[in-house]
Amino acid sequence: MRSLPPFYALGPVRPVLTTTVGGIKTDINCRVLNGQGRVVLGFYAIGDGSAGGVQLLHGTYVGWSLLNRMILTDFIAKF
């Protein structure tokens, strides 16, 4: 089936960083914590969604995400 005009386009498209304030709580090794503060085995979280209320300033999430990645890969490499 063919589409008929009129056609519409949106733009220009620009890259945008979005963040959350809060998110999933994790321990120092990026392991997800449950509501009682206990580790959920085999469940990890990194990036701005795992800040757990730590990051409050916009723009600091990029560094947090990179740091989380390094922490988690070092932790997993120990196994």
N, C-alpha and C. Protein backbone atom coordinates (compact mmCIF):
# COMPACT_ATOMS: atom_id res chain seq x y z
N MET A 1 0.84 -1.17 0.00
CA MET A 1 0.00 0.00 0.00
C MET A 1 0.89 1.24 0.00
N ARG A 2 0.62 2.15 -0.89
CA ARG A 2 1.41 3.38 -1.01
C ARG A 2 0.84 4.49 -0.16
N SER A 3 1.73 5.28 0.42
CA SER A 3 1.30 6.45 1.17
C SER A 3 1.07 7.61 0.21
N LEU A 4 0.12 8.44 0.53
CA LEU A 4 -0.18 9.60 -0.29
C LEU A 4 0.15 10.87 0.48
N PRO A 5 0.59 11.93 -0.25
CA PRO A 5 0.90 13.18 0.42
C PRO A 5 -0.35 13.78 1.05
N PRO A 6 -0.21 14.67 2.01
CA PRO A 6 1.00 15.40 2.37
C PRO A 6 1.88 14.61 3.32
N PHE A 7 3.19 14.81 3.21
CA PHE A 7 4.16 14.19 4.10
C PHE A 7 4.71 15.25 5.05
N TYR A 8 5.06 14.84 6.27
CA TYR A 8 5.58 15.76 7.27
C TYR A 8 6.89 15.22 7.82
N ALA A 9 7.78 16.13 8.19
CA ALA A 9 9.07 15.75 8.79
C ALA A 9 9.31 16.63 10.01
N LEU A 10 10.01 16.07 10.97
CA LEU A 10 10.41 16.81 12.16
C LEU A 10 11.91 17.02 12.12
N GLY A 11 12.35 18.13 12.62
CA GLY A 11 13.79 18.32 12.64
C GLY A 11 14.13 19.76 12.90
N PRO A 12 15.39 20.10 13.00
CA PRO A 12 16.51 19.16 12.92
C PRO A 12 16.62 18.32 14.19
N VAL A 13 17.18 17.14 14.04
CA VAL A 13 17.39 16.25 15.18
C VAL A 13 18.71 16.62 15.85
N ARG A 14 18.67 16.78 17.16
CA ARG A 14 19.87 17.15 17.92
C ARG A 14 20.10 16.14 19.03
N PRO A 15 21.36 15.79 19.29
CA PRO A 15 21.63 14.89 20.41
C PRO A 15 21.36 15.59 21.74
N VAL A 16 20.78 14.87 22.67
CA VAL A 16 20.44 15.44 23.97
C VAL A 16 20.76 14.41 25.04
N LEU A 17 21.32 14.87 26.15
CA LEU A 17 21.55 14.00 27.30
C LEU A 17 20.36 14.14 28.25
N THR A 18 19.81 13.02 28.65
CA THR A 18 18.76 13.06 29.66
C THR A 18 19.24 12.28 30.87
N THR A 19 18.77 12.66 32.04
CA THR A 19 19.22 12.01 33.26
C THR A 19 18.06 11.80 34.21
N THR A 20 18.29 10.97 35.18
CA THR A 20 17.35 10.79 36.27
C THR A 20 18.03 11.22 37.56
N VAL A 21 17.24 11.60 38.52
CA VAL A 21 17.80 11.90 39.83
C VAL A 21 17.30 10.81 40.76
N GLY A 22 18.20 9.99 41.20
CA GLY A 22 17.82 8.85 42.03
C GLY A 22 18.08 7.58 41.27
N GLY A 23 17.10 6.73 41.22
CA GLY A 23 17.25 5.48 40.49
C GLY A 23 17.49 4.31 41.41
N ILE A 24 18.04 3.26 40.83
CA ILE A 24 18.29 2.02 41.55
C ILE A 24 19.46 2.21 42.50
N LYS A 25 19.29 1.76 43.73
CA LYS A 25 20.39 1.84 44.70
C LYS A 25 21.34 0.66 44.49
N THR A 26 22.64 0.96 44.54
CA THR A 26 23.67 -0.05 44.35
C THR A 26 24.70 0.05 45.46
N ASP A 27 25.48 -1.03 45.60
CA ASP A 27 26.60 -0.98 46.54
C ASP A 27 27.85 -0.51 45.80
N ILE A 28 29.00 -0.54 46.47
CA ILE A 28 30.25 -0.04 45.90
C ILE A 28 30.69 -0.83 44.67
N ASN A 29 30.18 -2.07 44.51
CA ASN A 29 30.53 -2.91 43.36
C ASN A 29 29.44 -2.95 42.31
N CYS A 30 28.53 -1.98 42.32
CA CYS A 30 27.45 -1.84 41.33
C CYS A 30 26.41 -2.94 41.41
N ARG A 31 26.37 -3.68 42.53
CA ARG A 31 25.33 -4.70 42.71
C ARG A 31 24.05 -4.01 43.20
N VAL A 32 22.93 -4.37 42.62
CA VAL A 32 21.65 -3.77 42.98
C VAL A 32 21.25 -4.19 44.39
N LEU A 33 20.71 -3.23 45.15
CA LEU A 33 20.24 -3.49 46.50
C LEU A 33 18.71 -3.52 46.52
N ASN A 34 18.14 -4.43 47.32
CA ASN A 34 16.68 -4.48 47.44
C ASN A 34 16.21 -3.45 48.46
N GLY A 35 14.91 -3.45 48.76
CA GLY A 35 14.34 -2.48 49.68
C GLY A 35 14.91 -2.54 51.08
N GLN A 36 15.48 -3.68 51.46
CA GLN A 36 16.09 -3.82 52.79
C GLN A 36 17.59 -3.53 52.77
N GLY A 37 18.11 -3.12 51.62
CA GLY A 37 19.53 -2.80 51.52
C GLY A 37 20.42 -4.00 51.31
N ARG A 38 19.82 -5.15 50.97
CA ARG A 38 20.61 -6.37 50.71
C ARG A 38 20.86 -6.54 49.21
N VAL A 39 22.00 -7.14 48.88
CA VAL A 39 22.38 -7.37 47.49
C VAL A 39 21.41 -8.34 46.83
N VAL A 40 20.98 -8.00 45.60
CA VAL A 40 20.19 -8.91 44.77
C VAL A 40 21.20 -9.66 43.91
N LEU A 41 21.38 -10.95 44.18
CA LEU A 41 22.43 -11.73 43.50
C LEU A 41 22.26 -11.73 41.99
N GLY A 42 23.36 -11.46 41.29
CA GLY A 42 23.39 -11.51 39.83
C GLY A 42 22.75 -10.31 39.15
N PHE A 43 22.41 -9.26 39.89
CA PHE A 43 21.74 -8.09 39.32
C PHE A 43 22.64 -6.88 39.54
N TYR A 44 23.10 -6.28 38.44
CA TYR A 44 24.01 -5.14 38.49
C TYR A 44 23.38 -3.95 37.77
N ALA A 45 23.77 -2.75 38.15
CA ALA A 45 23.29 -1.55 37.48
C ALA A 45 24.40 -0.52 37.42
N ILE A 46 24.53 0.11 36.25
CA ILE A 46 25.51 1.18 36.08
C ILE A 46 24.84 2.33 35.34
N GLY A 47 25.48 3.48 35.34
CA GLY A 47 24.97 4.63 34.61
C GLY A 47 24.13 5.53 35.48
N ASP A 48 23.49 6.50 34.82
CA ASP A 48 22.76 7.51 35.58
C ASP A 48 21.53 6.94 36.27
N GLY A 49 20.97 5.86 35.78
CA GLY A 49 19.82 5.24 36.43
C GLY A 49 20.16 4.53 37.72
N SER A 50 21.44 4.35 37.98
CA SER A 50 21.85 3.64 39.20
C SER A 50 22.47 4.59 40.22
N ALA A 51 22.22 5.87 40.08
CA ALA A 51 22.85 6.84 40.98
C ALA A 51 22.37 6.70 42.41
N GLY A 52 21.15 6.22 42.61
CA GLY A 52 20.65 6.02 43.95
C GLY A 52 20.60 7.28 44.79
N GLY A 53 20.43 8.43 44.14
CA GLY A 53 20.36 9.68 44.87
C GLY A 53 21.70 10.34 45.09
N VAL A 54 22.78 9.76 44.57
CA VAL A 54 24.13 10.30 44.79
C VAL A 54 24.39 11.53 43.93
N GLN A 55 23.99 11.47 42.67
CA GLN A 55 24.27 12.56 41.74
C GLN A 55 23.15 13.59 41.74
N LEU A 56 23.46 14.82 42.05
CA LEU A 56 22.45 15.86 42.10
C LEU A 56 22.67 16.97 41.09
N LEU A 57 23.83 17.05 40.48
CA LEU A 57 24.12 18.12 39.53
C LEU A 57 24.06 17.60 38.10
N HIS A 58 23.36 18.31 37.24
CA HIS A 58 23.26 17.92 35.84
C HIS A 58 24.64 17.94 35.21
N GLY A 59 24.95 16.93 34.42
CA GLY A 59 26.25 16.84 33.75
C GLY A 59 27.23 15.95 34.47
N THR A 60 26.99 15.64 35.73
CA THR A 60 27.91 14.77 36.46
C THR A 60 27.63 13.30 36.17
N TYR A 61 26.53 13.00 35.50
CA TYR A 61 26.15 11.61 35.23
C TYR A 61 27.07 10.93 34.23
N VAL A 62 27.65 11.70 33.32
CA VAL A 62 28.55 11.10 32.34
C VAL A 62 29.77 10.51 33.05
N GLY A 63 30.37 11.27 33.94
CA GLY A 63 31.50 10.76 34.72
C GLY A 63 31.11 9.58 35.59
N TRP A 64 29.92 9.68 36.20
CA TRP A 64 29.40 8.60 37.04
C TRP A 64 29.24 7.31 36.22
N SER A 65 28.71 7.43 35.01
CA SER A 65 28.52 6.27 34.15
C SER A 65 29.84 5.62 33.77
N LEU A 66 30.82 6.43 33.43
CA LEU A 66 32.14 5.88 33.07
C LEU A 66 32.82 5.23 34.27
N LEU A 67 32.71 5.86 35.43
CA LEU A 67 33.29 5.29 36.64
C LEU A 67 32.61 3.96 36.99
N ASN A 68 31.28 3.92 36.91
CA ASN A 68 30.55 2.67 37.19
C ASN A 68 31.01 1.55 36.29
N ARG A 69 31.20 1.84 35.03
CA ARG A 69 31.64 0.81 34.09
C ARG A 69 32.98 0.23 34.51
N MET A 70 33.91 1.08 34.90
CA MET A 70 35.23 0.61 35.34
C MET A 70 35.12 -0.21 36.62
N ILE A 71 34.32 0.26 37.57
CA ILE A 71 34.15 -0.47 38.84
C ILE A 71 33.55 -1.85 38.58
N LEU A 72 32.50 -1.91 37.78
CA LEU A 72 31.83 -3.18 37.53
C LEU A 72 32.72 -4.16 36.77
N THR A 73 33.41 -3.69 35.74
CA THR A 73 34.27 -4.61 34.99
C THR A 73 35.42 -5.14 35.85
N ASP A 74 35.96 -4.30 36.72
CA ASP A 74 37.01 -4.77 37.65
C ASP A 74 36.44 -5.80 38.62
N PHE A 75 35.24 -5.56 39.12
CA PHE A 75 34.60 -6.48 40.07
C PHE A 75 34.31 -7.84 39.41
N ILE A 76 33.75 -7.80 38.22
CA ILE A 76 33.42 -9.05 37.51
C ILE A 76 34.68 -9.81 37.11
N ALA A 77 35.75 -9.10 36.78
CA ALA A 77 36.99 -9.75 36.36
C ALA A 77 37.61 -10.58 37.48
N LYS A 78 37.24 -10.32 38.73
CA LYS A 78 37.79 -11.08 39.86
C LYS A 78 37.25 -12.50 39.92
N PHE A 79 36.15 -12.76 39.21
CA PHE A 79 35.55 -14.10 39.27
C PHE A 79 36.11 -15.03 38.26
